[in-house]
N, C-alpha and C. Protein backbone atom coordinates (compact mmCIF):
# COMPACT_ATOMS: atom_id res chain seq x y z
N UNK A 1 12.17 -17.79 12.57
CA UNK A 1 13.43 -17.45 11.52
C UNK A 1 14.36 -17.59 12.58
N UNK A 2 15.56 -18.47 12.10
CA UNK A 2 16.77 -18.96 12.79
C UNK A 2 17.81 -17.84 12.67
N UNK A 3 18.62 -17.43 13.30
CA UNK A 3 19.71 -16.15 13.21
C UNK A 3 20.71 -17.00 13.30
N UNK A 4 22.01 -16.73 12.08
CA UNK A 4 23.27 -17.09 12.75
C UNK A 4 23.79 -17.10 13.77
N UNK A 5 23.63 -15.68 13.87
CA UNK A 5 24.65 -14.91 15.31
C UNK A 5 23.61 -14.23 16.16
N UNK A 6 22.83 -15.07 16.87
CA UNK A 6 21.99 -14.46 17.69
C UNK A 6 22.73 -13.45 18.64
N UNK A 7 23.82 -13.55 18.94
CA UNK A 7 24.16 -12.79 20.19
C UNK A 7 24.42 -11.54 20.05
N UNK A 8 24.14 -11.57 18.16
CA UNK A 8 24.64 -10.20 17.51
C UNK A 8 23.02 -8.96 17.64
N UNK A 9 22.19 -10.03 18.58
CA UNK A 9 20.94 -9.20 18.38
C UNK A 9 20.59 -8.60 19.57
N UNK A 10 19.82 -7.41 19.58
CA UNK A 10 19.56 -6.83 21.33
C UNK A 10 18.16 -7.33 21.60
N UNK A 11 17.64 -7.92 22.83
CA UNK A 11 16.10 -7.88 23.01
C UNK A 11 16.02 -6.51 23.43
N UNK A 12 14.33 -6.47 23.52
CA UNK A 12 13.85 -5.31 23.84
C UNK A 12 14.24 -5.29 25.39
N UNK A 13 13.99 -6.08 26.04
CA UNK A 13 14.18 -5.90 27.63
C UNK A 13 15.73 -5.56 27.86
N UNK A 14 16.49 -6.24 27.31
CA UNK A 14 18.07 -5.79 27.48
C UNK A 14 18.60 -4.20 26.88
N UNK A 15 17.66 -3.70 25.89
CA UNK A 15 17.94 -2.27 25.42
C UNK A 15 17.42 -1.60 26.54
N UNK A 16 16.53 -1.78 27.12
CA UNK A 16 15.47 -0.96 28.16
C UNK A 16 16.43 -0.87 29.23
N UNK A 17 17.12 -2.13 29.65
CA UNK A 17 18.36 -2.03 30.96
C UNK A 17 19.03 -1.03 30.75
N UNK A 18 19.91 -1.28 29.64
CA UNK A 18 21.03 -0.45 28.78
C UNK A 18 21.03 0.43 28.31
N UNK A 19 19.85 1.70 28.25
CA UNK A 19 19.69 2.57 27.67
C UNK A 19 20.76 3.73 27.82
N UNK A 20 21.00 3.45 29.04
CA UNK A 20 21.68 4.83 29.85
C UNK A 20 22.89 4.25 29.96
N UNK A 21 23.51 3.41 29.50
CA UNK A 21 24.95 3.15 29.66
C UNK A 21 25.67 4.03 28.80
N UNK A 22 27.00 4.44 29.36
CA UNK A 22 27.80 5.84 28.33
C UNK A 22 28.55 4.87 27.16
N UNK A 23 28.66 3.49 27.24
CA UNK A 23 29.50 3.02 26.16
C UNK A 23 28.19 2.68 24.77
N UNK A 24 27.11 2.88 24.97
CA UNK A 24 26.02 2.62 24.11
C UNK A 24 25.71 3.68 23.57
N UNK A 25 25.51 3.16 21.92
CA UNK A 25 24.70 4.38 20.95
C UNK A 25 23.54 3.47 20.19
N UNK A 26 22.20 3.99 20.31
CA UNK A 26 21.80 3.42 19.48
C UNK A 26 21.22 4.41 18.31
N UNK A 27 21.15 3.55 17.21
CA UNK A 27 20.82 4.52 16.05
C UNK A 27 19.50 4.24 15.31
N UNK A 28 18.91 5.00 14.86
CA UNK A 28 17.61 4.37 14.22
C UNK A 28 18.28 5.11 12.50
N UNK A 29 18.08 3.77 11.67
CA UNK A 29 18.38 3.73 10.43
C UNK A 29 17.43 3.72 9.35
N UNK A 30 16.12 4.08 10.09
CA UNK A 30 14.83 4.11 9.00
C UNK A 30 15.37 4.82 7.96
N UNK A 31 14.60 3.92 6.70
CA UNK A 31 14.85 4.89 5.43
C UNK A 31 13.57 4.21 4.64
N UNK A 32 12.93 5.28 3.86
CA UNK A 32 11.65 4.89 3.30
C UNK A 32 12.13 4.69 1.33
N UNK A 33 11.19 3.82 0.81
CA UNK A 33 11.27 3.54 -0.63
C UNK A 33 10.10 3.93 -0.98
N UNK A 34 10.12 5.23 -1.58
CA UNK A 34 8.78 5.70 -2.17
C UNK A 34 9.21 5.95 -3.51
N UNK A 35 7.53 5.81 -3.87
CA UNK A 35 7.08 6.18 -5.79
C UNK A 35 7.93 7.70 -6.09
N UNK A 36 8.65 7.62 -7.24
CA UNK A 36 8.99 8.85 -7.64
C UNK A 36 8.15 9.41 -8.66
N UNK A 37 6.93 9.14 -8.63
CA UNK A 37 6.25 9.34 -10.32
C UNK A 37 6.24 9.22 -11.20
N UNK A 38 7.33 8.75 -11.67
CA UNK A 38 7.89 8.04 -13.00
C UNK A 38 7.96 6.85 -13.07
N UNK A 39 7.18 5.82 -12.00
CA UNK A 39 7.37 4.45 -12.23
C UNK A 39 8.63 3.93 -11.50
N UNK A 40 9.37 4.81 -11.02
CA UNK A 40 10.47 3.90 -10.26
C UNK A 40 10.34 4.52 -8.76
N UNK A 41 11.17 3.95 -7.84
CA UNK A 41 11.41 4.30 -6.62
C UNK A 41 12.57 5.33 -5.97
N UNK A 42 12.35 6.00 -5.10
CA UNK A 42 13.41 7.01 -4.45
C UNK A 42 13.29 6.94 -3.32
N UNK A 43 14.67 6.60 -2.80
CA UNK A 43 15.18 6.76 -1.46
C UNK A 43 14.90 7.57 -0.72
N UNK A 44 14.49 7.41 0.69
CA UNK A 44 14.36 8.62 1.32
C UNK A 44 14.76 8.43 2.82
N UNK A 45 15.23 9.16 3.50
CA UNK A 45 15.90 9.26 4.74
C UNK A 45 14.91 9.07 5.99
N UNK A 46 14.78 8.25 6.71
CA UNK A 46 13.74 8.52 7.82
C UNK A 46 13.93 9.18 9.15
N UNK A 47 14.60 10.35 8.83
CA UNK A 47 14.99 11.04 9.75
C UNK A 47 14.05 12.10 10.41
N UNK A 48 13.19 12.44 9.56
CA UNK A 48 11.66 13.14 9.84
C UNK A 48 10.63 12.38 10.64
N UNK A 49 10.91 11.08 10.90
CA UNK A 49 9.79 10.13 11.29
C UNK A 49 10.61 9.64 12.93
N UNK A 50 12.21 9.87 12.61
CA UNK A 50 13.02 9.73 14.04
C UNK A 50 12.60 10.74 14.60
N UNK A 51 12.27 12.11 13.86
CA UNK A 51 12.21 13.19 14.79
C UNK A 51 10.58 13.53 15.53
N UNK A 52 9.92 12.80 14.98
CA UNK A 52 8.54 12.74 15.41
C UNK A 52 8.37 11.39 16.42
N UNK A 53 9.28 10.50 16.47
CA UNK A 53 8.86 9.49 17.24
C UNK A 53 10.02 8.48 17.27
N UNK A 54 10.99 7.93 18.39
CA UNK A 54 11.99 7.24 18.79
C UNK A 54 12.73 6.96 20.09
N UNK A 55 13.29 5.87 20.17
CA UNK A 55 13.67 5.35 20.99
C UNK A 55 14.54 6.49 22.11
N UNK A 56 13.93 6.61 23.33
CA UNK A 56 14.90 7.82 24.16
C UNK A 56 16.10 7.39 23.83
N UNK A 57 17.18 8.49 24.03
CA UNK A 57 18.54 9.14 23.69
C UNK A 57 19.09 8.45 22.40
N UNK A 58 18.02 7.73 21.48
CA UNK A 58 18.80 7.06 20.00
C UNK A 58 19.20 8.56 19.19
N UNK A 59 19.64 8.39 18.53
CA UNK A 59 20.55 9.20 17.16
C UNK A 59 19.65 8.76 16.04
N UNK A 60 19.71 9.71 14.85
CA UNK A 60 19.35 8.84 13.79
C UNK A 60 20.34 8.74 12.82
N UNK A 61 20.74 7.87 11.91
CA UNK A 61 21.91 7.31 11.36
C UNK A 61 21.05 7.35 9.60
N UNK A 62 21.73 8.33 8.88
CA UNK A 62 21.23 8.44 7.63
C UNK A 62 21.59 7.32 6.75
N UNK A 63 20.64 6.30 6.31
CA UNK A 63 21.11 5.02 5.67
C UNK A 63 21.20 5.26 4.30
N UNK A 64 20.48 6.24 3.66
CA UNK A 64 20.34 6.41 2.44
C UNK A 64 21.56 7.49 1.76
N UNK A 65 22.31 8.32 2.85
CA UNK A 65 23.43 9.07 2.65
C UNK A 65 24.92 8.80 3.17
N UNK A 66 24.55 8.22 4.31
CA UNK A 66 26.08 8.55 4.91
C UNK A 66 26.33 7.10 5.04
N UNK A 67 25.39 5.46 4.99
CA UNK A 67 25.69 4.69 5.46
C UNK A 67 25.61 3.67 4.20
N UNK A 68 25.31 4.27 2.80
CA UNK A 68 25.22 3.31 1.70
C UNK A 68 25.94 4.27 0.53
N UNK A 69 26.67 3.18 -0.41
CA UNK A 69 27.42 3.89 -1.51
C UNK A 69 26.57 4.02 -2.67
N UNK A 70 26.48 5.68 -2.34
CA UNK A 70 25.73 5.76 -3.48
C UNK A 70 25.82 5.95 -4.91
N UNK A 71 27.21 5.47 -5.37
CA UNK A 71 27.40 4.92 -6.58
C UNK A 71 27.28 3.80 -6.78
N UNK A 72 26.88 2.71 -5.96
CA UNK A 72 26.76 1.31 -6.63
C UNK A 72 25.25 1.21 -7.31
N UNK A 73 25.50 0.12 -7.93
CA UNK A 73 23.96 -0.25 -8.60
C UNK A 73 22.96 -0.56 -8.25
N UNK A 74 22.84 -1.05 -6.79
CA UNK A 74 21.96 -1.33 -6.18
C UNK A 74 22.24 -0.28 -4.75
N UNK A 75 20.98 -0.39 -4.70
CA UNK A 75 20.57 0.76 -3.32
C UNK A 75 21.15 -0.19 -2.20
N UNK A 76 21.27 0.79 -1.16
CA UNK A 76 21.72 0.33 0.51
C UNK A 76 22.96 -0.46 0.44
N UNK A 77 23.93 -0.27 -0.74
CA UNK A 77 25.34 -1.22 -0.46
C UNK A 77 26.07 -0.31 0.31
N UNK A 78 26.69 -1.15 1.02
CA UNK A 78 27.90 -0.92 2.20
C UNK A 78 29.00 0.14 1.47
N UNK A 79 29.29 1.22 1.96
CA UNK A 79 30.48 1.94 1.34
C UNK A 79 31.52 1.68 1.83
N UNK A 80 32.76 2.24 1.27
CA UNK A 80 34.20 2.01 1.47
C UNK A 80 34.08 2.31 3.06
N UNK A 81 34.97 1.85 3.59
CA UNK A 81 35.55 1.75 4.84
C UNK A 81 35.57 3.32 5.43
N UNK A 82 36.34 4.16 4.50
CA UNK A 82 36.68 5.56 4.98
C UNK A 82 35.40 6.04 5.00
N UNK A 83 34.60 6.24 4.06
CA UNK A 83 33.11 6.78 4.37
C UNK A 83 32.51 6.55 5.59
N UNK A 84 32.20 4.92 5.86
CA UNK A 84 31.67 4.50 6.92
C UNK A 84 32.06 4.59 8.13
N UNK A 85 33.46 5.12 8.41
CA UNK A 85 34.10 5.39 9.60
C UNK A 85 33.77 6.82 9.96
N UNK A 86 33.83 7.90 8.66
CA UNK A 86 33.47 8.87 9.07
C UNK A 86 32.27 9.05 9.48
N UNK A 87 31.02 8.25 8.70
CA UNK A 87 30.01 8.47 9.31
C UNK A 87 29.45 7.97 10.73
N UNK A 88 30.01 6.85 11.06
CA UNK A 88 29.92 6.50 12.54
C UNK A 88 30.67 7.45 13.20
N UNK A 89 31.63 7.93 13.08
CA UNK A 89 32.40 8.73 14.17
C UNK A 89 31.46 10.26 14.61
N UNK A 90 30.78 10.34 13.48
CA UNK A 90 30.06 11.61 13.37
C UNK A 90 28.59 11.24 14.10
N UNK A 91 28.63 10.04 14.30
CA UNK A 91 27.19 9.73 15.05
C UNK A 91 27.82 9.31 16.68
N UNK A 92 28.77 9.48 16.80
CA UNK A 92 29.35 9.24 18.23
C UNK A 92 29.96 7.79 18.52
N UNK A 93 30.08 7.15 17.35
CA UNK A 93 30.80 6.03 17.77
C UNK A 93 31.99 5.86 17.09
N UNK A 94 32.98 5.10 18.48
CA UNK A 94 34.42 5.02 18.46
C UNK A 94 34.67 3.82 18.94
N UNK A 95 35.90 3.58 19.01
CA UNK A 95 36.64 2.46 19.79
C UNK A 95 35.91 2.30 21.07
N UNK A 96 35.53 1.14 21.55
CA UNK A 96 34.76 0.80 22.74
C UNK A 96 33.08 0.90 23.05
N UNK A 97 32.91 1.41 21.96
CA UNK A 97 31.06 1.78 21.71
C UNK A 97 30.70 0.53 21.24
N UNK A 98 29.69 0.43 21.80
CA UNK A 98 28.81 -0.81 21.46
C UNK A 98 27.06 0.03 21.05
N UNK A 99 27.00 -0.81 19.70
CA UNK A 99 26.11 0.03 18.80
C UNK A 99 24.82 -0.75 18.74
N UNK A 100 24.01 -0.38 18.73
CA UNK A 100 22.38 -1.01 18.28
C UNK A 100 21.88 0.00 17.26
N UNK A 101 21.61 -0.89 16.24
CA UNK A 101 21.00 -0.27 14.74
C UNK A 101 19.86 -0.50 14.90
N UNK A 102 18.59 0.43 14.78
CA UNK A 102 17.14 -0.50 14.25
C UNK A 102 16.40 0.42 13.28
N UNK A 103 15.46 -0.16 12.84
CA UNK A 103 14.58 0.46 11.55
C UNK A 103 13.24 0.57 11.98
N UNK A 104 12.78 1.52 11.97
CA UNK A 104 11.20 1.35 12.85
C UNK A 104 10.32 1.46 11.89
N UNK A 105 10.54 0.86 10.49
CA UNK A 105 9.46 0.02 9.61
C UNK A 105 9.10 -1.17 10.13
N UNK A 106 7.84 -1.41 9.54
CA UNK A 106 7.39 -3.01 9.83
C UNK A 106 7.91 -4.00 8.53
N UNK A 107 8.82 -3.68 7.78
CA UNK A 107 9.20 -4.32 6.64
C UNK A 107 7.96 -4.75 5.72
N UNK A 108 6.92 -3.97 5.74
CA UNK A 108 5.80 -4.23 4.86
C UNK A 108 5.86 -3.20 3.75
């Protein structure tokens, strides 16, 4: 698969070499879509899976509640800038911070 902006992707070797950089924040954004028992799907934060296993020195970013517009018709839509800024600030991201976001699922 070709990426339009490959410069914005972090290779695993690069990440391993930069994990201790003071200006780098690594955030696990894993979320799960689970059956809700009534034929629908319930979005669930991946925080518990992050607690059990994660990239060293990473934090967890709550894609379901903090990084999504929960009033949008579709799941995982980008929230308004103030909500997004507040969420990233609470995760230790500010001016001059480089951020790597990752998802620990396989996509299947």
